[in-house]
Amino acid sequence: MSDTFTMLVSVARIDEPRAMAAFLASIPDSAELAELLGRTGPLNTRAYDDENLTARFVISDGEIVTCFTVTDITIDQAEMITVECEKSDAWSETAFREAAVRALGQ
């Protein structure tokens, strides 16, 4: 793990099949996520990839889905980001990045 992190953001409209196919293609083992997103309603979930030190935070309002991918962090740091985001309801790109910086002390 390094002293900095990288954050990638992907966004798609759930009712646009091509956009969703591209969105899901960037997420390993996305079949379960696709099933969850196929249901109507909001979604807030996350996953951690131990091998690659990568956390994915997925949020959807039922129409648009966003995935924040944060690399070079431990599972404990991913938990700290989750707590910070939930405290501040930080789910826009800017708010999420600020919450991650606060959580990681950077």
PDB file of N, CA and C in Angstrom:
ATOM      1  N   MET A   1       0.845  -1.179   0.000  1.00  0.00           N
ATOM      2  CA  MET A   1       0.000   0.000   0.000  1.00  0.00           C
ATOM      3  C   MET A   1       0.887   1.238   0.000  1.00  0.00           C
ATOM      4  N   SER A   2       0.487   2.226  -0.753  1.00  0.00           N
ATOM      5  CA  SER A   2       1.273   3.454  -0.828  1.00  0.00           C
ATOM      6  C   SER A   2       0.612   4.542   0.006  1.00  0.00           C
ATOM      7  N   ASP A   3       1.238   5.723  -0.006  1.00  0.00           N
ATOM      8  CA  ASP A   3       0.708   6.843   0.755  1.00  0.00           C
ATOM      9  C   ASP A   3      -0.434   7.556   0.039  1.00  0.00           C
ATOM     10  N   THR A   4      -0.681   7.224  -1.205  1.00  0.00           N
ATOM     11  CA  THR A   4      -1.752   7.854  -1.965  1.00  0.00           C
ATOM     12  C   THR A   4      -2.697   6.779  -2.478  1.00  0.00           C
ATOM     13  N   PHE A   5      -3.840   7.222  -2.930  1.00  0.00           N
ATOM     14  CA  PHE A   5      -4.785   6.279  -3.506  1.00  0.00           C
ATOM     15  C   PHE A   5      -5.222   6.809  -4.862  1.00  0.00           C
ATOM     16  N   THR A   6      -5.717   5.924  -5.663  1.00  0.00           N
ATOM     17  CA  THR A   6      -6.272   6.291  -6.953  1.00  0.00           C
ATOM     18  C   THR A   6      -7.757   5.999  -6.909  1.00  0.00           C
ATOM     19  N   MET A   7      -8.555   6.927  -7.415  1.00  0.00           N
ATOM     20  CA  MET A   7      -9.997   6.738  -7.451  1.00  0.00           C
ATOM     21  C   MET A   7     -10.476   6.850  -8.888  1.00  0.00           C
ATOM     22  N   LEU A   8     -11.220   5.850  -9.313  1.00  0.00           N
ATOM     23  CA  LEU A   8     -11.851   5.855 -10.625  1.00  0.00           C
ATOM     24  C   LEU A   8     -13.356   5.880 -10.413  1.00  0.00           C
ATOM     25  N   VAL A   9     -14.065   6.547 -11.303  1.00  0.00           N
ATOM     26  CA  VAL A   9     -15.519   6.641 -11.189  1.00  0.00           C
ATOM     27  C   VAL A   9     -16.141   6.221 -12.505  1.00  0.00           C
ATOM     28  N   SER A  10     -17.129   5.351 -12.418  1.00  0.00           N
ATOM     29  CA  SER A  10     -17.912   5.007 -13.602  1.00  0.00           C
ATOM     30  C   SER A  10     -19.390   5.166 -13.267  1.00  0.00           C
ATOM     31  N   VAL A  11     -20.138   5.623 -14.269  1.00  0.00           N
ATOM     32  CA  VAL A  11     -21.557   5.929 -14.085  1.00  0.00           C
ATOM     33  C   VAL A  11     -22.327   5.387 -15.282  1.00  0.00           C
ATOM     34  N   ALA A  12     -23.521   4.871 -15.023  1.00  0.00           N
ATOM     35  CA  ALA A  12     -24.374   4.398 -16.118  1.00  0.00           C
ATOM     36  C   ALA A  12     -25.850   4.543 -15.738  1.00  0.00           C
ATOM     37  N   ARG A  13     -26.672   4.735 -16.751  1.00  0.00           N
ATOM     38  CA  ARG A  13     -28.121   4.690 -16.549  1.00  0.00           C
ATOM     39  C   ARG A  13     -28.545   3.224 -16.577  1.00  0.00           C
ATOM     40  N   ILE A  14     -29.315   2.819 -15.602  1.00  0.00           N
ATOM     41  CA  ILE A  14     -29.715   1.418 -15.484  1.00  0.00           C
ATOM     42  C   ILE A  14     -30.596   0.987 -16.652  1.00  0.00           C
ATOM     43  N   ASP A  15     -31.357   1.908 -17.227  1.00  0.00           N
ATOM     44  CA  ASP A  15     -32.265   1.548 -18.325  1.00  0.00           C
ATOM     45  C   ASP A  15     -31.591   1.583 -19.701  1.00  0.00           C
ATOM     46  N   GLU A  16     -30.277   1.743 -19.750  1.00  0.00           N
ATOM     47  CA  GLU A  16     -29.536   1.731 -21.014  1.00  0.00           C
ATOM     48  C   GLU A  16     -28.640   0.489 -21.061  1.00  0.00           C
ATOM     49  N   PRO A  17     -29.095  -0.559 -21.772  1.00  0.00           N
ATOM     50  CA  PRO A  17     -28.371  -1.838 -21.767  1.00  0.00           C
ATOM     51  C   PRO A  17     -26.900  -1.746 -22.174  1.00  0.00           C
ATOM     52  N   ARG A  18     -26.574  -0.946 -23.182  1.00  0.00           N
ATOM     53  CA  ARG A  18     -25.172  -0.856 -23.611  1.00  0.00           C
ATOM     54  C   ARG A  18     -24.319  -0.181 -22.542  1.00  0.00           C
ATOM     55  N   ALA A  19     -24.852   0.859 -21.929  1.00  0.00           N
ATOM     56  CA  ALA A  19     -24.117   1.541 -20.864  1.00  0.00           C
ATOM     57  C   ALA A  19     -23.916   0.603 -19.674  1.00  0.00           C
ATOM     58  N   MET A  20     -24.946  -0.160 -19.336  1.00  0.00           N
ATOM     59  CA  MET A  20     -24.836  -1.093 -18.213  1.00  0.00           C
ATOM     60  C   MET A  20     -23.850  -2.220 -18.525  1.00  0.00           C
ATOM     61  N   ALA A  21     -23.843  -2.692 -19.761  1.00  0.00           N
ATOM     62  CA  ALA A  21     -22.893  -3.747 -20.135  1.00  0.00           C
ATOM     63  C   ALA A  21     -21.461  -3.246 -19.961  1.00  0.00           C
ATOM     64  N   ALA A  22     -21.194  -2.025 -20.394  1.00  0.00           N
ATOM     65  CA  ALA A  22     -19.859  -1.453 -20.238  1.00  0.00           C
ATOM     66  C   ALA A  22     -19.540  -1.227 -18.758  1.00  0.00           C
ATOM     67  N   PHE A  23     -20.508  -0.734 -18.013  1.00  0.00           N
ATOM     68  CA  PHE A  23     -20.330  -0.486 -16.583  1.00  0.00           C
ATOM     69  C   PHE A  23     -19.971  -1.787 -15.865  1.00  0.00           C
ATOM     70  N   LEU A  24     -20.748  -2.825 -16.096  1.00  0.00           N
ATOM     71  CA  LEU A  24     -20.539  -4.103 -15.407  1.00  0.00           C
ATOM     72  C   LEU A  24     -19.266  -4.805 -15.869  1.00  0.00           C
ATOM     73  N   ALA A  25     -18.862  -4.583 -17.118  1.00  0.00           N
ATOM     74  CA  ALA A  25     -17.656  -5.229 -17.648  1.00  0.00           C
ATOM     75  C   ALA A  25     -16.405  -4.797 -16.882  1.00  0.00           C
ATOM     76  N   SER A  26     -16.444  -3.610 -16.310  1.00  0.00           N
ATOM     77  CA  SER A  26     -15.273  -3.109 -15.581  1.00  0.00           C
ATOM     78  C   SER A  26     -15.207  -3.617 -14.150  1.00  0.00           C
ATOM     79  N   ILE A  27     -16.201  -4.385 -13.718  1.00  0.00           N
ATOM     80  CA  ILE A  27     -16.277  -4.855 -12.332  1.00  0.00           C
ATOM     81  C   ILE A  27     -16.148  -6.380 -12.311  1.00  0.00           C
ATOM     82  N   PRO A  28     -15.116  -6.912 -11.671  1.00  0.00           N
ATOM     83  CA  PRO A  28     -14.969  -8.370 -11.595  1.00  0.00           C
ATOM     84  C   PRO A  28     -16.159  -9.017 -10.894  1.00  0.00           C
ATOM     85  N   ASP A  29     -16.525 -10.204 -11.367  1.00  0.00           N
ATOM     86  CA  ASP A  29     -17.605 -10.980 -10.740  1.00  0.00           C
ATOM     87  C   ASP A  29     -18.860 -10.138 -10.550  1.00  0.00           C
ATOM     88  N   SER A  30     -19.304  -9.494 -11.612  1.00  0.00           N
ATOM     89  CA  SER A  30     -20.402  -8.525 -11.515  1.00  0.00           C
ATOM     90  C   SER A  30     -21.800  -9.126 -11.659  1.00  0.00           C
ATOM     91  N   ALA A  31     -21.918 -10.437 -11.797  1.00  0.00           N
ATOM     92  CA  ALA A  31     -23.234 -11.048 -11.999  1.00  0.00           C
ATOM     93  C   ALA A  31     -24.188 -10.757 -10.834  1.00  0.00           C
ATOM     94  N   GLU A  32     -23.693 -10.882  -9.615  1.00  0.00           N
ATOM     95  CA  GLU A  32     -24.547 -10.612  -8.452  1.00  0.00           C
ATOM     96  C   GLU A  32     -24.946  -9.135  -8.399  1.00  0.00           C
ATOM     97  N   LEU A  33     -24.004  -8.265  -8.720  1.00  0.00           N
ATOM     98  CA  LEU A  33     -24.311  -6.835  -8.754  1.00  0.00           C
ATOM     99  C   LEU A  33     -25.355  -6.542  -9.817  1.00  0.00           C
ATOM    100  N   ALA A  34     -25.230  -7.157 -10.982  1.00  0.00           N
ATOM    101  CA  ALA A  34     -26.209  -6.952 -12.053  1.00  0.00           C
ATOM    102  C   ALA A  34     -27.601  -7.362 -11.586  1.00  0.00           C
ATOM    103  N   GLU A  35     -27.672  -8.468 -10.860  1.00  0.00           N
ATOM    104  CA  GLU A  35     -28.964  -8.926 -10.333  1.00  0.00           C
ATOM    105  C   GLU A  35     -29.543  -7.912  -9.343  1.00  0.00           C
ATOM    106  N   LEU A  36     -28.702  -7.407  -8.450  1.00  0.00           N
ATOM    107  CA  LEU A  36     -29.167  -6.415  -7.479  1.00  0.00           C
ATOM    108  C   LEU A  36     -29.639  -5.144  -8.177  1.00  0.00           C
ATOM    109  N   LEU A  37     -28.913  -4.713  -9.196  1.00  0.00           N
ATOM    110  CA  LEU A  37     -29.282  -3.493  -9.913  1.00  0.00           C
ATOM    111  C   LEU A  37     -30.534  -3.686 -10.765  1.00  0.00           C
ATOM    112  N   GLY A  38     -30.852  -4.932 -11.094  1.00  0.00           N
ATOM    113  CA  GLY A  38     -32.045  -5.227 -11.871  1.00  0.00           C
ATOM    114  C   GLY A  38     -33.330  -5.040 -11.077  1.00  0.00           C
ATOM    115  N   ARG A  39     -33.210  -5.027  -9.780  1.00  0.00           N
ATOM    116  CA  ARG A  39     -34.366  -4.770  -8.920  1.00  0.00           C
ATOM    117  C   ARG A  39     -34.618  -3.267  -8.884  1.00  0.00           C
ATOM    118  N   THR A  40     -35.839  -2.903  -8.641  1.00  0.00           N
ATOM    119  CA  THR A  40     -36.181  -1.490  -8.581  1.00  0.00           C
ATOM    120  C   THR A  40     -35.805  -0.928  -7.218  1.00  0.00           C
ATOM    121  N   GLY A  41     -35.251   0.271  -7.226  1.00  0.00           N
ATOM    122  CA  GLY A  41     -34.982   0.944  -5.967  1.00  0.00           C
ATOM    123  C   GLY A  41     -33.520   1.256  -5.744  1.00  0.00           C
ATOM    124  N   PRO A  42     -33.262   1.977  -4.672  1.00  0.00           N
ATOM    125  CA  PRO A  42     -31.898   2.393  -4.346  1.00  0.00           C
ATOM    126  C   PRO A  42     -31.030   1.212  -3.906  1.00  0.00           C
ATOM    127  N   LEU A  43     -29.736   1.390  -4.081  1.00  0.00           N
ATOM    128  CA  LEU A  43     -28.772   0.361  -3.706  1.00  0.00           C
ATOM    129  C   LEU A  43     -27.496   1.048  -3.227  1.00  0.00           C
ATOM    130  N   ASN A  44     -26.911   0.513  -2.176  1.00  0.00           N
ATOM    131  CA  ASN A  44     -25.635   0.996  -1.671  1.00  0.00           C
ATOM    132  C   ASN A  44     -24.880  -0.241  -1.211  1.00  0.00           C
ATOM    133  N   THR A  45     -23.827  -0.606  -1.929  1.00  0.00           N
ATOM    134  CA  THR A  45     -23.079  -1.812  -1.597  1.00  0.00           C
ATOM    135  C   THR A  45     -21.602  -1.584  -1.884  1.00  0.00           C
ATOM    136  N   ARG A  46     -20.789  -2.484  -1.402  1.00  0.00           N
ATOM    137  CA  ARG A  46     -19.363  -2.372  -1.660  1.00  0.00           C
ATOM    138  C   ARG A  46     -18.738  -3.752  -1.681  1.00  0.00           C
ATOM    139  N   ALA A  47     -17.548  -3.821  -2.260  1.00  0.00           N
ATOM    140  CA  ALA A  47     -16.795  -5.075  -2.307  1.00  0.00           C
ATOM    141  C   ALA A  47     -15.317  -4.749  -2.196  1.00  0.00           C
ATOM    142  N   TYR A  48     -14.561  -5.683  -1.653  1.00  0.00           N
ATOM    143  CA  TYR A  48     -13.121  -5.479  -1.518  1.00  0.00           C
ATOM    144  C   TYR A  48     -12.392  -6.645  -2.161  1.00  0.00           C
ATOM    145  N   ASP A  49     -11.378  -6.325  -2.955  1.00  0.00           N
ATOM    146  CA  ASP A  49     -10.546  -7.313  -3.635  1.00  0.00           C
ATOM    147  C   ASP A  49      -9.201  -7.369  -2.908  1.00  0.00           C
ATOM    148  N   ASP A  50      -9.021  -8.392  -2.075  1.00  0.00           N
ATOM    149  CA  ASP A  50      -7.802  -8.531  -1.276  1.00  0.00           C
ATOM    150  C   ASP A  50      -6.545  -8.611  -2.135  1.00  0.00           C
ATOM    151  N   GLU A  51      -6.635  -9.378  -3.193  1.00  0.00           N
ATOM    152  CA  GLU A  51      -5.458  -9.607  -4.037  1.00  0.00           C
ATOM    153  C   GLU A  51      -4.926  -8.315  -4.662  1.00  0.00           C
ATOM    154  N   ASN A  52      -5.845  -7.445  -5.057  1.00  0.00           N
ATOM    155  CA  ASN A  52      -5.458  -6.209  -5.749  1.00  0.00           C
ATOM    156  C   ASN A  52      -5.551  -4.958  -4.878  1.00  0.00           C
ATOM    157  N   LEU A  53      -5.870  -5.122  -3.580  1.00  0.00           N
ATOM    158  CA  LEU A  53      -6.007  -3.979  -2.661  1.00  0.00           C
ATOM    159  C   LEU A  53      -6.926  -2.905  -3.241  1.00  0.00           C
ATOM    160  N   THR A  54      -8.083  -3.347  -3.692  1.00  0.00           N
ATOM    161  CA  THR A  54      -9.030  -2.456  -4.369  1.00  0.00           C
ATOM    162  C   THR A  54     -10.411  -2.583  -3.747  1.00  0.00           C
ATOM    163  N   ALA A  55     -11.025  -1.429  -3.471  1.00  0.00           N
ATOM    164  CA  ALA A  55     -12.393  -1.401  -2.957  1.00  0.00           C
ATOM    165  C   ALA A  55     -13.294  -0.766  -4.001  1.00  0.00           C
ATOM    166  N   ARG A  56     -14.495  -1.303  -4.120  1.00  0.00           N
ATOM    167  CA  ARG A  56     -15.505  -0.737  -5.012  1.00  0.00           C
ATOM    168  C   ARG A  56     -16.727  -0.393  -4.185  1.00  0.00           C
ATOM    169  N   PHE A  57     -17.173   0.837  -4.340  1.00  0.00           N
ATOM    170  CA  PHE A  57     -18.341   1.352  -3.632  1.00  0.00           C
ATOM    171  C   PHE A  57     -19.385   1.653  -4.700  1.00  0.00           C
ATOM    172  N   VAL A  58     -20.511   0.967  -4.653  1.00  0.00           N
ATOM    173  CA  VAL A  58     -21.543   1.127  -5.677  1.00  0.00           C
ATOM    174  C   VAL A  58     -22.785   1.720  -5.040  1.00  0.00           C
ATOM    175  N   ILE A  59     -23.291   2.764  -5.662  1.00  0.00           N
ATOM    176  CA  ILE A  59     -24.513   3.406  -5.172  1.00  0.00           C
ATOM    177  C   ILE A  59     -25.428   3.670  -6.351  1.00  0.00           C
ATOM    178  N   SER A  60     -26.720   3.474  -6.126  1.00  0.00           N
ATOM    179  CA  SER A  60     -27.704   3.712  -7.173  1.00  0.00           C
ATOM    180  C   SER A  60     -28.980   4.265  -6.561  1.00  0.00           C
ATOM    181  N   ASP A  61     -29.603   5.171  -7.303  1.00  0.00           N
ATOM    182  CA  ASP A  61     -30.904   5.696  -6.886  1.00  0.00           C
ATOM    183  C   ASP A  61     -32.041   4.943  -7.579  1.00  0.00           C
ATOM    184  N   GLY A  62     -31.703   3.881  -8.287  1.00  0.00           N
ATOM    185  CA  GLY A  62     -32.691   3.102  -9.023  1.00  0.00           C
ATOM    186  C   GLY A  62     -32.747   3.481 -10.495  1.00  0.00           C
ATOM    187  N   GLU A  63     -32.144   4.603 -10.860  1.00  0.00           N
ATOM    188  CA  GLU A  63     -32.090   5.040 -12.253  1.00  0.00           C
ATOM    189  C   GLU A  63     -30.661   5.147 -12.761  1.00  0.00           C
ATOM    190  N   ILE A  64     -29.777   5.673 -11.929  1.00  0.00           N
ATOM    191  CA  ILE A  64     -28.372   5.846 -12.279  1.00  0.00           C
ATOM    192  C   ILE A  64     -27.533   5.103 -11.250  1.00  0.00           C
ATOM    193  N   VAL A  65     -26.495   4.411 -11.730  1.00  0.00           N
ATOM    194  CA  VAL A  65     -25.594   3.698 -10.835  1.00  0.00           C
ATOM    195  C   VAL A  65     -24.189   4.284 -10.988  1.00  0.00           C
ATOM    196  N   THR A  66     -23.521   4.426  -9.851  1.00  0.00           N
ATOM    197  CA  THR A  66     -22.157   4.947  -9.827  1.00  0.00           C
ATOM    198  C   THR A  66     -21.281   3.971  -9.059  1.00  0.00           C
ATOM    199  N   CYS A  67     -20.090   3.731  -9.599  1.00  0.00           N
ATOM    200  CA  CYS A  67     -19.103   2.897  -8.912  1.00  0.00           C
ATOM    201  C   CYS A  67     -17.850   3.727  -8.683  1.00  0.00           C
ATOM    202  N   PHE A  68     -17.469   3.843  -7.410  1.00  0.00           N
ATOM    203  CA  PHE A  68     -16.214   4.484  -7.033  1.00  0.00           C
ATOM    204  C   PHE A  68     -15.231   3.350  -6.761  1.00  0.00           C
ATOM    205  N   THR A  69     -14.167   3.263  -7.546  1.00  0.00           N
ATOM    206  CA  THR A  69     -13.136   2.255  -7.353  1.00  0.00           C
ATOM    207  C   THR A  69     -11.919   2.939  -6.753  1.00  0.00           C
ATOM    208  N   VAL A  70     -11.495   2.463  -5.586  1.00  0.00           N
ATOM    209  CA  VAL A  70     -10.345   3.041  -4.897  1.00  0.00           C
ATOM    210  C   VAL A  70      -9.272   1.964  -4.797  1.00  0.00           C
ATOM    211  N   THR A  71      -8.091   2.275  -5.330  1.00  0.00           N
ATOM    212  CA  THR A  71      -6.999   1.296  -5.346  1.00  0.00           C
ATOM    213  C   THR A  71      -5.939   1.648  -4.319  1.00  0.00           C
ATOM    214  N   ASP A  72      -5.109   0.654  -4.049  1.00  0.00           N
ATOM    215  CA  ASP A  72      -3.982   0.817  -3.126  1.00  0.00           C
ATOM    216  C   ASP A  72      -4.421   1.121  -1.706  1.00  0.00           C
ATOM    217  N   ILE A  73      -5.480   0.462  -1.247  1.00  0.00           N
ATOM    218  CA  ILE A  73      -5.925   0.627   0.140  1.00  0.00           C
ATOM    219  C   ILE A  73      -6.172  -0.744   0.764  1.00  0.00           C
ATOM    220  N   THR A  74      -6.102  -0.777   2.075  1.00  0.00           N
ATOM    221  CA  THR A  74      -6.383  -2.014   2.804  1.00  0.00           C
ATOM    222  C   THR A  74      -7.892  -2.133   3.041  1.00  0.00           C
ATOM    223  N   ILE A  75      -8.312  -3.293   3.491  1.00  0.00           N
ATOM    224  CA  ILE A  75      -9.724  -3.480   3.806  1.00  0.00           C
ATOM    225  C   ILE A  75     -10.138  -2.574   4.970  1.00  0.00           C
ATOM    226  N   ASP A  76      -9.230  -2.351   5.915  1.00  0.00           N
ATOM    227  CA  ASP A  76      -9.538  -1.444   7.030  1.00  0.00           C
ATOM    228  C   ASP A  76      -9.737  -0.017   6.529  1.00  0.00           C
ATOM    229  N   GLN A  77      -8.919   0.408   5.581  1.00  0.00           N
ATOM    230  CA  GLN A  77      -9.089   1.741   5.007  1.00  0.00           C
ATOM    231  C   GLN A  77     -10.408   1.840   4.237  1.00  0.00           C
ATOM    232  N   ALA A  78     -10.789   0.764   3.557  1.00  0.00           N
ATOM    233  CA  ALA A  78     -12.074   0.753   2.854  1.00  0.00           C
ATOM    234  C   ALA A  78     -13.218   0.933   3.845  1.00  0.00           C
ATOM    235  N   GLU A  79     -13.110   0.277   4.987  1.00  0.00           N
ATOM    236  CA  GLU A  79     -14.126   0.434   6.041  1.00  0.00           C
ATOM    237  C   GLU A  79     -14.176   1.876   6.532  1.00  0.00           C
ATOM    238  N   MET A  80     -13.001   2.492   6.693  1.00  0.00           N
ATOM    239  CA  MET A  80     -12.953   3.883   7.158  1.00  0.00           C
ATOM    240  C   MET A  80     -13.599   4.814   6.129  1.00  0.00           C
ATOM    241  N   ILE A  81     -13.391   4.547   4.851  1.00  0.00           N
ATOM    242  CA  ILE A  81     -14.025   5.356   3.805  1.00  0.00           C
ATOM    243  C   ILE A  81     -15.540   5.193   3.877  1.00  0.00           C
ATOM    244  N   THR A  82     -15.993   3.967   4.063  1.00  0.00           N
ATOM    245  CA  THR A  82     -17.437   3.713   4.168  1.00  0.00           C
ATOM    246  C   THR A  82     -18.045   4.516   5.308  1.00  0.00           C
ATOM    247  N   VAL A  83     -17.412   4.466   6.461  1.00  0.00           N
ATOM    248  CA  VAL A  83     -17.924   5.188   7.638  1.00  0.00           C
ATOM    249  C   VAL A  83     -17.971   6.684   7.353  1.00  0.00           C
ATOM    250  N   GLU A  84     -16.905   7.219   6.780  1.00  0.00           N
ATOM    251  CA  GLU A  84     -16.844   8.656   6.487  1.00  0.00           C
ATOM    252  C   GLU A  84     -17.926   9.058   5.479  1.00  0.00           C
ATOM    253  N   CYS A  85     -18.140   8.232   4.465  1.00  0.00           N
ATOM    254  CA  CYS A  85     -19.174   8.535   3.469  1.00  0.00           C
ATOM    255  C   CYS A  85     -20.569   8.496   4.087  1.00  0.00           C
ATOM    256  N   GLU A  86     -20.804   7.515   4.926  1.00  0.00           N
ATOM    257  CA  GLU A  86     -22.119   7.407   5.546  1.00  0.00           C
ATOM    258  C   GLU A  86     -22.371   8.554   6.521  1.00  0.00           C
ATOM    259  N   LYS A  87     -21.336   8.996   7.223  1.00  0.00           N
ATOM    260  CA  LYS A  87     -21.493  10.128   8.149  1.00  0.00           C
ATOM    261  C   LYS A  87     -21.885  11.400   7.405  1.00  0.00           C
ATOM    262  N   SER A  88     -21.273  11.603   6.248  1.00  0.00           N
ATOM    263  CA  SER A  88     -21.493  12.856   5.522  1.00  0.00           C
ATOM    264  C   SER A  88     -22.424  12.695   4.327  1.00  0.00           C
ATOM    265  N   ASP A  89     -22.966  11.486   4.139  1.00  0.00           N
ATOM    266  CA  ASP A  89     -23.823  11.191   2.985  1.00  0.00           C
ATOM    267  C   ASP A  89     -23.113  11.641   1.697  1.00  0.00           C
ATOM    268  N   ALA A  90     -21.845  11.241   1.579  1.00  0.00           N
ATOM    269  CA  ALA A  90     -20.967  11.695   0.500  1.00  0.00           C
ATOM    270  C   ALA A  90     -20.999  10.733  -0.682  1.00  0.00           C
ATOM    271  N   TRP A  91     -21.907  10.958  -1.608  1.00  0.00           N
ATOM    272  CA  TRP A  91     -22.010  10.035  -2.728  1.00  0.00           C
ATOM    273  C   TRP A  91     -21.858  10.707  -4.085  1.00  0.00           C
ATOM    274  N   SER A  92     -21.603  12.000  -4.133  1.00  0.00           N
ATOM    275  CA  SER A  92     -21.222  12.616  -5.407  1.00  0.00           C
ATOM    276  C   SER A  92     -19.723  12.362  -5.571  1.00  0.00           C
ATOM    277  N   GLU A  93     -19.203  12.547  -6.773  1.00  0.00           N
ATOM    278  CA  GLU A  93     -17.783  12.288  -7.000  1.00  0.00           C
ATOM    279  C   GLU A  93     -16.898  13.157  -6.108  1.00  0.00           C
ATOM    280  N   THR A  94     -17.184  14.433  -6.054  1.00  0.00           N
ATOM    281  CA  THR A  94     -16.376  15.347  -5.239  1.00  0.00           C
ATOM    282  C   THR A  94     -16.501  15.011  -3.756  1.00  0.00           C
ATOM    283  N   ALA A  95     -17.724  14.805  -3.289  1.00  0.00           N
ATOM    284  CA  ALA A  95     -17.943  14.501  -1.868  1.00  0.00           C
ATOM    285  C   ALA A  95     -17.303  13.171  -1.489  1.00  0.00           C
ATOM    286  N   PHE A  96     -17.369  12.185  -2.390  1.00  0.00           N
ATOM    287  CA  PHE A  96     -16.750  10.888  -2.101  1.00  0.00           C
ATOM    288  C   PHE A  96     -15.243  11.041  -1.981  1.00  0.00           C
ATOM    289  N   ARG A  97     -14.619  11.762  -2.927  1.00  0.00           N
ATOM    290  CA  ARG A  97     -13.163  11.957  -2.878  1.00  0.00           C
ATOM    291  C   ARG A  97     -12.765  12.668  -1.574  1.00  0.00           C
ATOM    292  N   GLU A  98     -13.509  13.693  -1.192  1.00  0.00           N
ATOM    293  CA  GLU A  98     -13.213  14.423   0.044  1.00  0.00           C
ATOM    294  C   GLU A  98     -13.356  13.503   1.266  1.00  0.00           C
ATOM    295  N   ALA A  99     -14.381  12.661   1.267  1.00  0.00           N
ATOM    296  CA  ALA A  99     -14.574  11.720   2.366  1.00  0.00           C
ATOM    297  C   ALA A  99     -13.431  10.717   2.425  1.00  0.00           C
ATOM    298  N   ALA A 100     -12.985  10.242   1.266  1.00  0.00           N
ATOM    299  CA  ALA A 100     -11.860   9.303   1.218  1.00  0.00           C
ATOM    300  C   ALA A 100     -10.586   9.957   1.737  1.00  0.00           C
ATOM    301  N   VAL A 101     -10.345  11.188   1.350  1.00  0.00           N
ATOM    302  CA  VAL A 101      -9.162  11.918   1.829  1.00  0.00           C
ATOM    303  C   VAL A 101      -9.226  12.059   3.349  1.00  0.00           C
ATOM    304  N   ARG A 102     -10.386  12.429   3.871  1.00  0.00           N
ATOM    305  CA  ARG A 102     -10.541  12.559   5.331  1.00  0.00           C
ATOM    306  C   ARG A 102     -10.302  11.207   6.017  1.00  0.00           C
ATOM    307  N   ALA A 103     -10.888  10.165   5.461  1.00  0.00           N
ATOM    308  CA  ALA A 103     -10.778   8.835   6.077  1.00  0.00           C
ATOM    309  C   ALA A 103      -9.337   8.332   6.076  1.00  0.00           C
ATOM    310  N   LEU A 104      -8.617   8.656   5.011  1.00  0.00           N
ATOM    311  CA  LEU A 104      -7.246   8.160   4.890  1.00  0.00           C
ATOM    312  C   LEU A 104      -6.214   9.139   5.443  1.00  0.00           C
ATOM    313  N   GLY A 105      -6.676  10.290   5.911  1.00  0.00           N
ATOM    314  CA  GLY A 105      -5.770  11.266   6.498  1.00  0.00           C
ATOM    315  C   GLY A 105      -4.806  11.868   5.502  1.00  0.00           C
ATOM    316  N   GLN A 106      -5.259  12.078   4.285  1.00  0.00           N
ATOM    317  CA  GLN A 106      -4.373  12.631   3.235  1.00  0.00           C
ATOM    318  C   GLN A 106      -4.751  14.039   2.872  1.00  0.00           C
TER     319      GLN A 106
END
